[in-house]
């Protein structure tokens, strides 16, 4: 998956989360926050946008378990196209090669 494809998908997740009703958004925000924490644990301190894309490509099945732990009685809060993609979009902002809303290409 290209960086451009991944970021588009992740940004769509953030848009869906922002469009959620207030009742749903609260719980989906908690799930997203837990996923960001898990991304931080998995990737550690310094990482690149390419490493984040690679982690995403390897699969996000682990995200379901995190979501289920946070919201066990709300399966709608586990929707990957919302919470997983929003979490990856948010964590991308911490990538070493991402600044000002775009990826820095170094020669």
PDB file of N, CA and C in Angstrom:
ATOM      1  N   UNK A   1       0.855  -1.171   0.000  1.00  0.00           N
ATOM      2  CA  UNK A   1       0.000   0.000   0.000  1.00  0.00           C
ATOM      3  C   UNK A   1       0.903   1.237   0.000  1.00  0.00           C
ATOM      4  N   UNK A   2       0.564   2.188  -0.810  1.00  0.00           N
ATOM      5  CA  UNK A   2       1.356   3.412  -0.853  1.00  0.00           C
ATOM      6  C   UNK A   2       1.006   4.294   0.345  1.00  0.00           C
ATOM      7  N   UNK A   3       1.903   5.198   0.650  1.00  0.00           N
ATOM      8  CA  UNK A   3       1.660   6.166   1.711  1.00  0.00           C
ATOM      9  C   UNK A   3       0.407   6.978   1.399  1.00  0.00           C
ATOM     10  N   UNK A   4       0.262   7.388   0.160  1.00  0.00           N
ATOM     11  CA  UNK A   4      -0.884   8.219  -0.232  1.00  0.00           C
ATOM     12  C   UNK A   4      -2.210   7.493  -0.017  1.00  0.00           C
ATOM     13  N   UNK A   5      -2.238   6.210  -0.354  1.00  0.00           N
ATOM     14  CA  UNK A   5      -3.455   5.416  -0.145  1.00  0.00           C
ATOM     15  C   UNK A   5      -3.755   5.279   1.339  1.00  0.00           C
ATOM     16  N   UNK A   6      -2.711   4.973   2.109  1.00  0.00           N
ATOM     17  CA  UNK A   6      -2.892   4.795   3.552  1.00  0.00           C
ATOM     18  C   UNK A   6      -3.392   6.075   4.203  1.00  0.00           C
ATOM     19  N   UNK A   7      -2.753   7.187   3.916  1.00  0.00           N
ATOM     20  CA  UNK A   7      -3.151   8.435   4.579  1.00  0.00           C
ATOM     21  C   UNK A   7      -4.569   8.833   4.182  1.00  0.00           C
ATOM     22  N   UNK A   8      -4.943   8.597   2.947  1.00  0.00           N
ATOM     23  CA  UNK A   8      -6.312   8.894   2.524  1.00  0.00           C
ATOM     24  C   UNK A   8      -7.300   8.070   3.357  1.00  0.00           C
ATOM     25  N   UNK A   9      -7.022   6.796   3.490  1.00  0.00           N
ATOM     26  CA  UNK A   9      -7.898   5.899   4.257  1.00  0.00           C
ATOM     27  C   UNK A   9      -7.955   6.334   5.721  1.00  0.00           C
ATOM     28  N   UNK A  10      -6.808   6.670   6.276  1.00  0.00           N
ATOM     29  CA  UNK A  10      -6.771   7.079   7.686  1.00  0.00           C
ATOM     30  C   UNK A  10      -7.513   8.388   7.910  1.00  0.00           C
ATOM     31  N   UNK A  11      -7.359   9.322   6.990  1.00  0.00           N
ATOM     32  CA  UNK A  11      -8.069  10.591   7.119  1.00  0.00           C
ATOM     33  C   UNK A  11      -9.576  10.405   6.999  1.00  0.00           C
ATOM     34  N   UNK A  12      -9.999   9.467   6.180  1.00  0.00           N
ATOM     35  CA  UNK A  12     -11.425   9.158   6.077  1.00  0.00           C
ATOM     36  C   UNK A  12     -11.950   8.637   7.416  1.00  0.00           C
ATOM     37  N   UNK A  13     -11.144   7.830   8.094  1.00  0.00           N
ATOM     38  CA  UNK A  13     -11.525   7.343   9.426  1.00  0.00           C
ATOM     39  C   UNK A  13     -11.710   8.493  10.398  1.00  0.00           C
ATOM     40  N   UNK A  14     -10.805   9.451  10.364  1.00  0.00           N
ATOM     41  CA  UNK A  14     -10.947  10.629  11.235  1.00  0.00           C
ATOM     42  C   UNK A  14     -12.207  11.413  10.892  1.00  0.00           C
ATOM     43  N   UNK A  15     -12.498  11.534   9.616  1.00  0.00           N
ATOM     44  CA  UNK A  15     -13.721  12.257   9.214  1.00  0.00           C
ATOM     45  C   UNK A  15     -14.969  11.534   9.715  1.00  0.00           C
ATOM     46  N   UNK A  16     -14.957  10.206   9.608  1.00  0.00           N
ATOM     47  CA  UNK A  16     -16.115   9.441  10.084  1.00  0.00           C
ATOM     48  C   UNK A  16     -16.283   9.606  11.597  1.00  0.00           C
ATOM     49  N   UNK A  17     -15.168   9.608  12.302  1.00  0.00           N
ATOM     50  CA  UNK A  17     -15.224   9.782  13.758  1.00  0.00           C
ATOM     51  C   UNK A  17     -15.770  11.171  14.100  1.00  0.00           C
ATOM     52  N   UNK A  18     -15.335  12.171  13.395  1.00  0.00           N
ATOM     53  CA  UNK A  18     -15.822  13.528  13.641  1.00  0.00           C
ATOM     54  C   UNK A  18     -17.307  13.679  13.310  1.00  0.00           C
ATOM     55  N   UNK A  19     -17.794  12.865  12.389  1.00  0.00           N
ATOM     56  CA  UNK A  19     -19.195  12.948  11.975  1.00  0.00           C
ATOM     57  C   UNK A  19     -20.128  12.119  12.860  1.00  0.00           C
ATOM     58  N   UNK A  20     -19.556  11.351  13.775  1.00  0.00           N
ATOM     59  CA  UNK A  20     -20.376  10.491  14.638  1.00  0.00           C
ATOM     60  C   UNK A  20     -21.245  11.331  15.563  1.00  0.00           C
ATOM     61  N   UNK A  21     -22.360  10.761  15.965  1.00  0.00           N
ATOM     62  CA  UNK A  21     -23.211  11.447  16.928  1.00  0.00           C
ATOM     63  C   UNK A  21     -22.444  11.593  18.239  1.00  0.00           C
ATOM     64  N   UNK A  22     -22.769  12.608  19.036  1.00  0.00           N
ATOM     65  CA  UNK A  22     -22.040  12.814  20.289  1.00  0.00           C
ATOM     66  C   UNK A  22     -22.045  11.574  21.202  1.00  0.00           C
ATOM     67  N   UNK A  23     -23.157  10.868  21.228  1.00  0.00           N
ATOM     68  CA  UNK A  23     -23.245   9.674  22.081  1.00  0.00           C
ATOM     69  C   UNK A  23     -22.244   8.605  21.640  1.00  0.00           C
ATOM     70  N   UNK A  24     -22.129   8.407  20.362  1.00  0.00           N
ATOM     71  CA  UNK A  24     -21.202   7.405  19.831  1.00  0.00           C
ATOM     72  C   UNK A  24     -19.762   7.910  19.840  1.00  0.00           C
ATOM     73  N   UNK A  25     -19.585   9.168  19.550  1.00  0.00           N
ATOM     74  CA  UNK A  25     -18.238   9.730  19.445  1.00  0.00           C
ATOM     75  C   UNK A  25     -17.463   9.594  20.746  1.00  0.00           C
ATOM     76  N   UNK A  26     -18.118   9.762  21.875  1.00  0.00           N
ATOM     77  CA  UNK A  26     -17.417   9.662  23.165  1.00  0.00           C
ATOM     78  C   UNK A  26     -16.738   8.315  23.325  1.00  0.00           C
ATOM     79  N   UNK A  27     -17.463   7.249  23.061  1.00  0.00           N
ATOM     80  CA  UNK A  27     -16.896   5.914  23.221  1.00  0.00           C
ATOM     81  C   UNK A  27     -15.900   5.607  22.107  1.00  0.00           C
ATOM     82  N   UNK A  28     -16.202   6.016  20.903  1.00  0.00           N
ATOM     83  CA  UNK A  28     -15.255   5.797  19.807  1.00  0.00           C
ATOM     84  C   UNK A  28     -13.951   6.564  20.040  1.00  0.00           C
ATOM     85  N   UNK A  29     -14.012   7.722  20.657  1.00  0.00           N
ATOM     86  CA  UNK A  29     -12.799   8.475  21.001  1.00  0.00           C
ATOM     87  C   UNK A  29     -11.974   7.711  22.039  1.00  0.00           C
ATOM     88  N   UNK A  30     -12.642   7.091  22.993  1.00  0.00           N
ATOM     89  CA  UNK A  30     -11.918   6.281  23.993  1.00  0.00           C
ATOM     90  C   UNK A  30     -11.218   5.110  23.327  1.00  0.00           C
ATOM     91  N   UNK A  31     -11.904   4.440  22.409  1.00  0.00           N
ATOM     92  CA  UNK A  31     -11.309   3.316  21.682  1.00  0.00           C
ATOM     93  C   UNK A  31     -10.135   3.803  20.846  1.00  0.00           C
ATOM     94  N   UNK A  32     -10.315   4.896  20.144  1.00  0.00           N
ATOM     95  CA  UNK A  32      -9.241   5.462  19.316  1.00  0.00           C
ATOM     96  C   UNK A  32      -8.037   5.806  20.175  1.00  0.00           C
ATOM     97  N   UNK A  33      -8.257   6.403  21.317  1.00  0.00           N
ATOM     98  CA  UNK A  33      -7.161   6.734  22.227  1.00  0.00           C
ATOM     99  C   UNK A  33      -6.403   5.503  22.695  1.00  0.00           C
ATOM    100  N   UNK A  34      -7.125   4.443  22.992  1.00  0.00           N
ATOM    101  CA  UNK A  34      -6.477   3.190  23.404  1.00  0.00           C
ATOM    102  C   UNK A  34      -5.653   2.608  22.259  1.00  0.00           C
ATOM    103  N   UNK A  35      -6.154   2.737  21.052  1.00  0.00           N
ATOM    104  CA  UNK A  35      -5.408   2.242  19.886  1.00  0.00           C
ATOM    105  C   UNK A  35      -4.144   3.063  19.648  1.00  0.00           C
ATOM    106  N   UNK A  36      -4.221   4.362  19.825  1.00  0.00           N
ATOM    107  CA  UNK A  36      -3.032   5.208  19.694  1.00  0.00           C
ATOM    108  C   UNK A  36      -1.995   4.798  20.735  1.00  0.00           C
ATOM    109  N   UNK A  37      -2.427   4.534  21.950  1.00  0.00           N
ATOM    110  CA  UNK A  37      -1.504   4.082  23.005  1.00  0.00           C
ATOM    111  C   UNK A  37      -0.844   2.768  22.616  1.00  0.00           C
ATOM    112  N   UNK A  38      -1.601   1.876  22.021  1.00  0.00           N
ATOM    113  CA  UNK A  38      -1.038   0.590  21.596  1.00  0.00           C
ATOM    114  C   UNK A  38      -0.079   0.771  20.422  1.00  0.00           C
ATOM    115  N   UNK A  39      -0.387   1.683  19.525  1.00  0.00           N
ATOM    116  CA  UNK A  39       0.545   1.981  18.427  1.00  0.00           C
ATOM    117  C   UNK A  39       1.865   2.506  19.000  1.00  0.00           C
ATOM    118  N   UNK A  40       1.771   3.361  19.998  1.00  0.00           N
ATOM    119  CA  UNK A  40       2.977   3.909  20.633  1.00  0.00           C
ATOM    120  C   UNK A  40       3.804   2.781  21.255  1.00  0.00           C
ATOM    121  N   UNK A  41       3.122   1.840  21.874  1.00  0.00           N
ATOM    122  CA  UNK A  41       3.810   0.711  22.486  1.00  0.00           C
ATOM    123  C   UNK A  41       4.465  -0.171  21.427  1.00  0.00           C
ATOM    124  N   UNK A  42       3.779  -0.390  20.326  1.00  0.00           N
ATOM    125  CA  UNK A  42       4.293  -1.274  19.276  1.00  0.00           C
ATOM    126  C   UNK A  42       5.426  -0.647  18.463  1.00  0.00           C
ATOM    127  N   UNK A  43       5.347   0.645  18.192  1.00  0.00           N
ATOM    128  CA  UNK A  43       6.363   1.282  17.360  1.00  0.00           C
ATOM    129  C   UNK A  43       7.450   1.982  18.171  1.00  0.00           C
ATOM    130  N   UNK A  44       7.189   2.212  19.423  1.00  0.00           N
ATOM    131  CA  UNK A  44       8.207   2.843  20.250  1.00  0.00           C
ATOM    132  C   UNK A  44       8.331   4.327  19.992  1.00  0.00           C
ATOM    133  N   UNK A  45       9.493   4.848  20.360  1.00  0.00           N
ATOM    134  CA  UNK A  45       9.736   6.284  20.273  1.00  0.00           C
ATOM    135  C   UNK A  45       9.764   6.818  18.859  1.00  0.00           C
ATOM    136  N   UNK A  46      10.892   6.773  18.237  1.00  0.00           N
ATOM    137  CA  UNK A  46      11.065   7.357  16.908  1.00  0.00           C
ATOM    138  C   UNK A  46      10.657   6.342  15.833  1.00  0.00           C
ATOM    139  N   UNK A  47       9.807   6.776  14.918  1.00  0.00           N
ATOM    140  CA  UNK A  47       9.370   5.916  13.816  1.00  0.00           C
ATOM    141  C   UNK A  47       9.099   6.788  12.602  1.00  0.00           C
ATOM    142  N   UNK A  48       9.020   6.159  11.451  1.00  0.00           N
ATOM    143  CA  UNK A  48       8.741   6.883  10.211  1.00  0.00           C
ATOM    144  C   UNK A  48       7.334   6.549   9.720  1.00  0.00           C
ATOM    145  N   UNK A  49       6.866   7.350   8.804  1.00  0.00           N
ATOM    146  CA  UNK A  49       5.553   7.093   8.209  1.00  0.00           C
ATOM    147  C   UNK A  49       5.557   5.753   7.479  1.00  0.00           C
ATOM    148  N   UNK A  50       6.687   5.387   6.867  1.00  0.00           N
ATOM    149  CA  UNK A  50       6.778   4.100   6.166  1.00  0.00           C
ATOM    150  C   UNK A  50       6.626   2.940   7.148  1.00  0.00           C
ATOM    151  N   UNK A  51       7.182   3.082   8.345  1.00  0.00           N
ATOM    152  CA  UNK A  51       7.039   2.023   9.348  1.00  0.00           C
ATOM    153  C   UNK A  51       5.587   1.895   9.804  1.00  0.00           C
ATOM    154  N   UNK A  52       4.897   3.007   9.896  1.00  0.00           N
ATOM    155  CA  UNK A  52       3.484   2.977  10.278  1.00  0.00           C
ATOM    156  C   UNK A  52       2.649   2.313   9.193  1.00  0.00           C
ATOM    157  N   UNK A  53       2.924   2.639   7.943  1.00  0.00           N
ATOM    158  CA  UNK A  53       2.216   2.005   6.826  1.00  0.00           C
ATOM    159  C   UNK A  53       2.498   0.498   6.823  1.00  0.00           C
ATOM    160  N   UNK A  54       3.740   0.129   7.069  1.00  0.00           N
ATOM    161  CA  UNK A  54       4.102  -1.291   7.102  1.00  0.00           C
ATOM    162  C   UNK A  54       3.350  -2.031   8.204  1.00  0.00           C
ATOM    163  N   UNK A  55       3.238  -1.430   9.377  1.00  0.00           N
ATOM    164  CA  UNK A  55       2.480  -2.053  10.462  1.00  0.00           C
ATOM    165  C   UNK A  55       1.019  -2.231  10.060  1.00  0.00           C
ATOM    166  N   UNK A  56       0.452  -1.225   9.423  1.00  0.00           N
ATOM    167  CA  UNK A  56      -0.936  -1.287   8.966  1.00  0.00           C
ATOM    168  C   UNK A  56      -1.121  -2.410   7.950  1.00  0.00           C
ATOM    169  N   UNK A  57      -0.168  -2.523   7.032  1.00  0.00           N
ATOM    170  CA  UNK A  57      -0.240  -3.559   5.998  1.00  0.00           C
ATOM    171  C   UNK A  57      -0.150  -4.967   6.580  1.00  0.00           C
ATOM    172  N   UNK A  58       0.579  -5.124   7.667  1.00  0.00           N
ATOM    173  CA  UNK A  58       0.720  -6.451   8.291  1.00  0.00           C
ATOM    174  C   UNK A  58      -0.588  -6.929   8.902  1.00  0.00           C
ATOM    175  N   UNK A  59      -1.495  -6.012   9.095  1.00  0.00           N
ATOM    176  CA  UNK A  59      -2.809  -6.392   9.611  1.00  0.00           C
ATOM    177  C   UNK A  59      -3.136  -5.674  10.899  1.00  0.00           C
ATOM    178  N   UNK A  60      -4.413  -5.453  11.076  1.00  0.00           N
ATOM    179  CA  UNK A  60      -4.877  -4.725  12.253  1.00  0.00           C
ATOM    180  C   UNK A  60      -5.827  -5.567  13.106  1.00  0.00           C
ATOM    181  N   UNK A  61      -5.693  -6.874  12.996  1.00  0.00           N
ATOM    182  CA  UNK A  61      -6.558  -7.751  13.793  1.00  0.00           C
ATOM    183  C   UNK A  61      -6.416  -7.476  15.290  1.00  0.00           C
ATOM    184  N   UNK A  62      -5.214  -7.124  15.702  1.00  0.00           N
ATOM    185  CA  UNK A  62      -4.966  -6.832  17.112  1.00  0.00           C
ATOM    186  C   UNK A  62      -5.816  -5.664  17.602  1.00  0.00           C
ATOM    187  N   UNK A  63      -6.201  -4.783  16.709  1.00  0.00           N
ATOM    188  CA  UNK A  63      -7.001  -3.619  17.084  1.00  0.00           C
ATOM    189  C   UNK A  63      -8.379  -4.024  17.604  1.00  0.00           C
ATOM    190  N   UNK A  64      -8.922  -5.079  17.053  1.00  0.00           N
ATOM    191  CA  UNK A  64     -10.244  -5.534  17.492  1.00  0.00           C
ATOM    192  C   UNK A  64     -10.214  -5.894  18.970  1.00  0.00           C
ATOM    193  N   UNK A  65      -9.179  -6.575  19.410  1.00  0.00           N
ATOM    194  CA  UNK A  65      -9.092  -6.959  20.818  1.00  0.00           C
ATOM    195  C   UNK A  65      -8.996  -5.730  21.719  1.00  0.00           C
ATOM    196  N   UNK A  66      -8.217  -4.742  21.293  1.00  0.00           N
ATOM    197  CA  UNK A  66      -8.113  -3.499  22.057  1.00  0.00           C
ATOM    198  C   UNK A  66      -9.489  -2.834  22.142  1.00  0.00           C
ATOM    199  N   UNK A  67     -10.168  -2.733  21.011  1.00  0.00           N
ATOM    200  CA  UNK A  67     -11.494  -2.107  20.982  1.00  0.00           C
ATOM    201  C   UNK A  67     -12.488  -2.862  21.857  1.00  0.00           C
ATOM    202  N   UNK A  68     -12.443  -4.175  21.800  1.00  0.00           N
ATOM    203  CA  UNK A  68     -13.356  -4.989  22.617  1.00  0.00           C
ATOM    204  C   UNK A  68     -13.082  -4.807  24.099  1.00  0.00           C
ATOM    205  N   UNK A  69     -11.824  -4.630  24.467  1.00  0.00           N
ATOM    206  CA  UNK A  69     -11.486  -4.413  25.876  1.00  0.00           C
ATOM    207  C   UNK A  69     -11.996  -3.072  26.380  1.00  0.00           C
ATOM    208  N   UNK A  70     -11.955  -2.063  25.530  1.00  0.00           N
ATOM    209  CA  UNK A  70     -12.399  -0.727  25.918  1.00  0.00           C
ATOM    210  C   UNK A  70     -13.918  -0.626  25.927  1.00  0.00           C
ATOM    211  N   UNK A  71     -14.560  -1.238  24.951  1.00  0.00           N
ATOM    212  CA  UNK A  71     -16.017  -1.117  24.791  1.00  0.00           C
ATOM    213  C   UNK A  71     -16.642  -2.494  24.571  1.00  0.00           C
ATOM    214  N   UNK A  72     -16.602  -3.357  25.582  1.00  0.00           N
ATOM    215  CA  UNK A  72     -17.059  -4.738  25.376  1.00  0.00           C
ATOM    216  C   UNK A  72     -18.533  -4.881  24.991  1.00  0.00           C
ATOM    217  N   UNK A  73     -19.351  -3.913  25.386  1.00  0.00           N
ATOM    218  CA  UNK A  73     -20.784  -4.025  25.120  1.00  0.00           C
ATOM    219  C   UNK A  73     -21.255  -3.141  23.966  1.00  0.00           C
ATOM    220  N   UNK A  74     -20.311  -2.647  23.172  1.00  0.00           N
ATOM    221  CA  UNK A  74     -20.681  -1.730  22.089  1.00  0.00           C
ATOM    222  C   UNK A  74     -19.947  -2.099  20.802  1.00  0.00           C
ATOM    223  N   UNK A  75     -20.371  -3.165  20.133  1.00  0.00           N
ATOM    224  CA  UNK A  75     -19.680  -3.582  18.911  1.00  0.00           C
ATOM    225  C   UNK A  75     -19.590  -2.501  17.840  1.00  0.00           C
ATOM    226  N   UNK A  76     -20.521  -1.576  17.813  1.00  0.00           N
ATOM    227  CA  UNK A  76     -20.461  -0.482  16.846  1.00  0.00           C
ATOM    228  C   UNK A  76     -19.217   0.384  17.068  1.00  0.00           C
ATOM    229  N   UNK A  77     -18.645   0.368  18.272  1.00  0.00           N
ATOM    230  CA  UNK A  77     -17.461   1.173  18.590  1.00  0.00           C
ATOM    231  C   UNK A  77     -16.171   0.496  18.137  1.00  0.00           C
ATOM    232  N   UNK A  78     -16.282  -0.679  17.565  1.00  0.00           N
ATOM    233  CA  UNK A  78     -15.099  -1.428  17.107  1.00  0.00           C
ATOM    234  C   UNK A  78     -14.871  -1.250  15.605  1.00  0.00           C
ATOM    235  N   UNK A  79     -15.702  -0.483  14.938  1.00  0.00           N
ATOM    236  CA  UNK A  79     -15.648  -0.377  13.478  1.00  0.00           C
ATOM    237  C   UNK A  79     -14.277   0.121  13.015  1.00  0.00           C
ATOM    238  N   UNK A  80     -13.554  -0.755  12.332  1.00  0.00           N
ATOM    239  CA  UNK A  80     -12.173  -0.469  11.925  1.00  0.00           C
ATOM    240  C   UNK A  80     -12.066   0.752  11.030  1.00  0.00           C
ATOM    241  N   UNK A  81     -13.024   0.936  10.142  1.00  0.00           N
ATOM    242  CA  UNK A  81     -12.991   2.071   9.236  1.00  0.00           C
ATOM    243  C   UNK A  81     -13.140   3.403   9.939  1.00  0.00           C
ATOM    244  N   UNK A  82     -13.464   3.357  11.215  1.00  0.00           N
ATOM    245  CA  UNK A  82     -13.554   4.578  12.007  1.00  0.00           C
ATOM    246  C   UNK A  82     -12.401   4.614  13.006  1.00  0.00           C
ATOM    247  N   UNK A  83     -12.454   3.748  14.007  1.00  0.00           N
ATOM    248  CA  UNK A  83     -11.510   3.853  15.127  1.00  0.00           C
ATOM    249  C   UNK A  83     -10.078   3.476  14.761  1.00  0.00           C
ATOM    250  N   UNK A  84      -9.892   2.428  13.989  1.00  0.00           N
ATOM    251  CA  UNK A  84      -8.534   2.016  13.611  1.00  0.00           C
ATOM    252  C   UNK A  84      -7.907   3.054  12.690  1.00  0.00           C
ATOM    253  N   UNK A  85      -8.634   3.438  11.665  1.00  0.00           N
ATOM    254  CA  UNK A  85      -8.085   4.404  10.717  1.00  0.00           C
ATOM    255  C   UNK A  85      -7.844   5.752  11.384  1.00  0.00           C
ATOM    256  N   UNK A  86      -8.734   6.184  12.264  1.00  0.00           N
ATOM    257  CA  UNK A  86      -8.525   7.448  12.976  1.00  0.00           C
ATOM    258  C   UNK A  86      -7.296   7.363  13.876  1.00  0.00           C
ATOM    259  N   UNK A  87      -7.088   6.224  14.519  1.00  0.00           N
ATOM    260  CA  UNK A  87      -5.920   6.063  15.391  1.00  0.00           C
ATOM    261  C   UNK A  87      -4.623   6.141  14.585  1.00  0.00           C
ATOM    262  N   UNK A  88      -4.586   5.487  13.440  1.00  0.00           N
ATOM    263  CA  UNK A  88      -3.388   5.554  12.599  1.00  0.00           C
ATOM    264  C   UNK A  88      -3.164   6.985  12.097  1.00  0.00           C
ATOM    265  N   UNK A  89      -4.229   7.688  11.739  1.00  0.00           N
ATOM    266  CA  UNK A  89      -4.099   9.079  11.289  1.00  0.00           C
ATOM    267  C   UNK A  89      -3.515   9.949  12.392  1.00  0.00           C
ATOM    268  N   UNK A  90      -3.982   9.749  13.595  1.00  0.00           N
ATOM    269  CA  UNK A  90      -3.482  10.554  14.713  1.00  0.00           C
ATOM    270  C   UNK A  90      -2.038  10.206  15.054  1.00  0.00           C
ATOM    271  N   UNK A  91      -1.720   8.946  15.015  1.00  0.00           N
ATOM    272  CA  UNK A  91      -0.352   8.562  15.365  1.00  0.00           C
ATOM    273  C   UNK A  91       0.642   8.980  14.288  1.00  0.00           C
ATOM    274  N   UNK A  92       0.182   9.076  13.059  1.00  0.00           N
ATOM    275  CA  UNK A  92       1.044   9.530  11.965  1.00  0.00           C
ATOM    276  C   UNK A  92       1.659  10.886  12.284  1.00  0.00           C
ATOM    277  N   UNK A  93       0.945  11.731  12.986  1.00  0.00           N
ATOM    278  CA  UNK A  93       1.431  13.072  13.314  1.00  0.00           C
ATOM    279  C   UNK A  93       2.712  13.039  14.139  1.00  0.00           C
ATOM    280  N   UNK A  94       2.999  11.903  14.763  1.00  0.00           N
ATOM    281  CA  UNK A  94       4.203  11.765  15.584  1.00  0.00           C
ATOM    282  C   UNK A  94       5.370  11.151  14.819  1.00  0.00           C
ATOM    283  N   UNK A  95       5.169  10.805  13.552  1.00  0.00           N
ATOM    284  CA  UNK A  95       6.240  10.203  12.752  1.00  0.00           C
ATOM    285  C   UNK A  95       7.384  11.196  12.552  1.00  0.00           C
ATOM    286  N   UNK A  96       8.597  10.680  12.559  1.00  0.00           N
ATOM    287  CA  UNK A  96       9.788  11.515  12.426  1.00  0.00           C
ATOM    288  C   UNK A  96       9.831  12.264  11.096  1.00  0.00           C
ATOM    289  N   UNK A  97       9.211  11.706  10.079  1.00  0.00           N
ATOM    290  CA  UNK A  97       9.262  12.318   8.749  1.00  0.00           C
ATOM    291  C   UNK A  97       7.930  12.941   8.327  1.00  0.00           C
ATOM    292  N   UNK A  98       7.109  13.319   9.290  1.00  0.00           N
ATOM    293  CA  UNK A  98       5.813  13.896   8.975  1.00  0.00           C
ATOM    294  C   UNK A  98       5.693  15.226   9.706  1.00  0.00           C
ATOM    295  N   UNK A  99       5.476  16.281   8.968  1.00  0.00           N
ATOM    296  CA  UNK A  99       5.379  17.603   9.579  1.00  0.00           C
ATOM    297  C   UNK A  99       4.474  18.496   8.752  1.00  0.00           C
ATOM    298  N   UNK A 100       3.738  19.313   9.437  1.00  0.00           N
ATOM    299  CA  UNK A 100       2.907  20.279   8.733  1.00  0.00           C
ATOM    300  C   UNK A 100       1.858  19.663   7.838  1.00  0.00           C
ATOM    301  N   UNK A 101       1.387  18.447   8.183  1.00  0.00           N
ATOM    302  CA  UNK A 101       0.355  17.795   7.392  1.00  0.00           C
ATOM    303  C   UNK A 101       0.861  17.079   6.170  1.00  0.00           C
ATOM    304  N   UNK A 102       2.194  16.914   6.049  1.00  0.00           N
ATOM    305  CA  UNK A 102       2.718  16.184   4.894  1.00  0.00           C
ATOM    306  C   UNK A 102       3.981  15.441   5.290  1.00  0.00           C
ATOM    307  N   UNK A 103       4.328  14.478   4.487  1.00  0.00           N
ATOM    308  CA  UNK A 103       5.520  13.681   4.714  1.00  0.00           C
ATOM    309  C   UNK A 103       6.729  14.400   4.117  1.00  0.00           C
ATOM    310  N   UNK A 104       7.798  14.433   4.868  1.00  0.00           N
ATOM    311  CA  UNK A 104       9.045  15.035   4.379  1.00  0.00           C
ATOM    312  C   UNK A 104       9.851  13.975   3.667  1.00  0.00           C
ATOM    313  N   UNK A 105      10.212  14.243   2.445  1.00  0.00           N
ATOM    314  CA  UNK A 105      11.042  13.336   1.661  1.00  0.00           C
ATOM    315  C   UNK A 105      12.472  13.848   1.734  1.00  0.00           C
ATOM    316  N   UNK A 106      13.338  13.024   2.255  1.00  0.00           N
ATOM    317  CA  UNK A 106      14.750  13.417   2.380  1.00  0.00           C
ATOM    318  C   UNK A 106      15.573  12.702   1.334  1.00  0.00           C
ATOM    319  N   UNK A 107      16.435  13.432   0.689  1.00  0.00           N
ATOM    320  CA  UNK A 107      17.282  12.865  -0.357  1.00  0.00           C
ATOM    321  C   UNK A 107      18.502  12.180   0.237  1.00  0.00           C
TER     322      UNK A 107
END
